[in-house]
Amino acid sequence: MVAVIIAENCVGCATCVDECPVEAISLDGGNIAVVDENECTDCGGCIDVCPTEAIEIE
């Protein structure tokens, strides 16, 4: 399982980037969050802080 960004909901606020304890999330050139699937530990912290519900675990 890994966090997945729903790009159409992401507003690029970077709240998830700041929350991720393993630095698995970054913003791409278009200010959309991107998850490094090899680093994500499926902790769910990013889901809890996302103001636009742009992250889910798959």
N, C-alpha and C. Protein backbone atom coordinates (compact mmCIF):
# COMPACT_ATOMS: atom_id res chain seq x y z
N MET A 1 0.85 -1.17 0.00
CA MET A 1 0.00 0.00 0.00
C MET A 1 0.90 1.24 0.00
N VAL A 2 0.38 2.27 -0.67
CA VAL A 2 1.17 3.50 -0.80
C VAL A 2 0.21 4.68 -0.97
N ALA A 3 0.64 5.85 -0.54
CA ALA A 3 -0.16 7.06 -0.74
C ALA A 3 -0.17 7.41 -2.22
N VAL A 4 -1.34 7.81 -2.70
CA VAL A 4 -1.51 8.20 -4.10
C VAL A 4 -2.15 9.58 -4.14
N ILE A 5 -1.61 10.45 -4.96
CA ILE A 5 -2.12 11.81 -5.10
C ILE A 5 -3.21 11.85 -6.16
N ILE A 6 -4.33 12.48 -5.84
CA ILE A 6 -5.39 12.73 -6.81
C ILE A 6 -5.11 14.13 -7.35
N ALA A 7 -4.42 14.17 -8.49
CA ALA A 7 -3.87 15.43 -9.03
C ALA A 7 -4.91 16.52 -9.21
N GLU A 8 -6.11 16.17 -9.64
CA GLU A 8 -7.13 17.20 -9.88
C GLU A 8 -7.62 17.85 -8.58
N ASN A 9 -7.34 17.21 -7.43
CA ASN A 9 -7.73 17.80 -6.15
C ASN A 9 -6.58 18.55 -5.47
N CYS A 10 -5.36 18.29 -5.91
CA CYS A 10 -4.19 18.88 -5.26
C CYS A 10 -4.04 20.35 -5.64
N VAL A 11 -3.86 21.19 -4.61
CA VAL A 11 -3.69 22.63 -4.83
C VAL A 11 -2.25 23.08 -4.58
N GLY A 12 -1.37 22.14 -4.30
CA GLY A 12 0.04 22.48 -4.12
C GLY A 12 0.37 23.21 -2.84
N CYS A 13 -0.40 22.99 -1.80
CA CYS A 13 -0.18 23.71 -0.54
C CYS A 13 1.05 23.21 0.23
N ALA A 14 1.52 22.01 -0.08
CA ALA A 14 2.71 21.39 0.52
C ALA A 14 2.52 20.97 1.98
N THR A 15 1.32 20.96 2.46
CA THR A 15 1.08 20.49 3.83
C THR A 15 1.52 19.05 3.99
N CYS A 16 1.26 18.23 2.98
CA CYS A 16 1.65 16.82 3.03
C CYS A 16 3.18 16.66 2.98
N VAL A 17 3.84 17.54 2.23
CA VAL A 17 5.30 17.51 2.14
C VAL A 17 5.89 17.74 3.53
N ASP A 18 5.36 18.72 4.23
CA ASP A 18 5.84 19.05 5.57
C ASP A 18 5.52 17.96 6.59
N GLU A 19 4.41 17.25 6.40
CA GLU A 19 3.96 16.24 7.35
C GLU A 19 4.68 14.91 7.20
N CYS A 20 5.13 14.57 6.01
CA CYS A 20 5.70 13.25 5.75
C CYS A 20 6.99 13.01 6.55
N PRO A 21 6.99 12.00 7.43
CA PRO A 21 8.16 11.77 8.28
C PRO A 21 9.35 11.17 7.54
N VAL A 22 9.13 10.62 6.35
CA VAL A 22 10.23 10.00 5.60
C VAL A 22 10.57 10.77 4.32
N GLU A 23 10.00 11.96 4.18
CA GLU A 23 10.26 12.84 3.04
C GLU A 23 9.98 12.14 1.71
N ALA A 24 8.86 11.39 1.66
CA ALA A 24 8.48 10.66 0.45
C ALA A 24 7.62 11.48 -0.50
N ILE A 25 7.23 12.69 -0.08
CA ILE A 25 6.37 13.53 -0.92
C ILE A 25 7.10 14.82 -1.26
N SER A 26 6.99 15.21 -2.51
CA SER A 26 7.56 16.47 -2.97
C SER A 26 6.58 17.11 -3.93
N LEU A 27 6.84 18.36 -4.30
CA LEU A 27 6.02 19.03 -5.29
C LEU A 27 6.74 19.00 -6.63
N ASP A 28 6.00 18.71 -7.70
CA ASP A 28 6.61 18.71 -9.02
C ASP A 28 6.65 20.14 -9.56
N GLY A 29 7.07 20.32 -10.78
CA GLY A 29 7.19 21.64 -11.38
C GLY A 29 5.88 22.39 -11.48
N GLY A 30 4.76 21.68 -11.48
CA GLY A 30 3.45 22.31 -11.55
C GLY A 30 2.80 22.48 -10.20
N ASN A 31 3.59 22.34 -9.14
CA ASN A 31 3.10 22.43 -7.76
C ASN A 31 2.01 21.41 -7.45
N ILE A 32 2.20 20.20 -7.95
CA ILE A 32 1.33 19.07 -7.61
C ILE A 32 2.18 18.08 -6.81
N ALA A 33 1.63 17.56 -5.72
CA ALA A 33 2.36 16.61 -4.89
C ALA A 33 2.63 15.32 -5.65
N VAL A 34 3.82 14.76 -5.40
CA VAL A 34 4.23 13.50 -6.00
C VAL A 34 4.77 12.62 -4.88
N VAL A 35 4.36 11.36 -4.86
CA VAL A 35 4.80 10.43 -3.83
C VAL A 35 5.87 9.50 -4.41
N ASP A 36 6.99 9.37 -3.70
CA ASP A 36 8.01 8.39 -4.06
C ASP A 36 7.56 7.06 -3.45
N GLU A 37 7.07 6.18 -4.30
CA GLU A 37 6.51 4.91 -3.83
C GLU A 37 7.53 4.04 -3.11
N ASN A 38 8.81 4.23 -3.41
CA ASN A 38 9.85 3.44 -2.75
C ASN A 38 10.14 3.94 -1.34
N GLU A 39 9.77 5.16 -1.03
CA GLU A 39 10.04 5.74 0.28
C GLU A 39 8.80 5.76 1.20
N CYS A 40 7.60 5.78 0.62
CA CYS A 40 6.36 5.87 1.40
C CYS A 40 6.21 4.65 2.30
N THR A 41 5.90 4.91 3.58
CA THR A 41 5.72 3.83 4.55
C THR A 41 4.26 3.59 4.89
N ASP A 42 3.34 4.23 4.17
CA ASP A 42 1.91 4.00 4.35
C ASP A 42 1.43 4.38 5.76
N CYS A 43 2.01 5.45 6.32
CA CYS A 43 1.62 5.85 7.67
C CYS A 43 0.28 6.58 7.71
N GLY A 44 -0.11 7.21 6.59
CA GLY A 44 -1.40 7.89 6.52
C GLY A 44 -1.41 9.30 7.07
N GLY A 45 -0.29 9.79 7.56
CA GLY A 45 -0.25 11.15 8.10
C GLY A 45 -0.62 12.21 7.09
N CYS A 46 -0.23 12.01 5.85
CA CYS A 46 -0.53 12.98 4.80
C CYS A 46 -2.03 13.06 4.52
N ILE A 47 -2.70 11.95 4.63
CA ILE A 47 -4.15 11.93 4.38
C ILE A 47 -4.87 12.79 5.42
N ASP A 48 -4.44 12.66 6.65
CA ASP A 48 -5.09 13.39 7.75
C ASP A 48 -4.93 14.91 7.63
N VAL A 49 -3.85 15.38 7.02
CA VAL A 49 -3.60 16.83 6.97
C VAL A 49 -3.99 17.48 5.65
N CYS A 50 -4.31 16.71 4.63
CA CYS A 50 -4.62 17.28 3.32
C CYS A 50 -5.97 18.01 3.36
N PRO A 51 -5.96 19.31 3.09
CA PRO A 51 -7.21 20.10 3.18
C PRO A 51 -8.18 19.87 2.01
N THR A 52 -7.70 19.24 0.93
CA THR A 52 -8.57 19.05 -0.24
C THR A 52 -8.86 17.58 -0.54
N GLU A 53 -8.50 16.69 0.41
CA GLU A 53 -8.74 15.26 0.24
C GLU A 53 -8.13 14.75 -1.06
N ALA A 54 -6.88 15.17 -1.35
CA ALA A 54 -6.21 14.82 -2.59
C ALA A 54 -5.30 13.60 -2.46
N ILE A 55 -5.37 12.92 -1.32
CA ILE A 55 -4.49 11.76 -1.09
C ILE A 55 -5.31 10.58 -0.59
N GLU A 56 -5.01 9.42 -1.16
CA GLU A 56 -5.63 8.19 -0.68
C GLU A 56 -4.58 7.10 -0.65
N ILE A 57 -4.85 6.05 0.08
CA ILE A 57 -3.93 4.91 0.16
C ILE A 57 -4.46 3.83 -0.77
N GLU A 58 -3.58 3.36 -1.64
CA GLU A 58 -3.95 2.28 -2.56
C GLU A 58 -2.96 1.14 -2.42
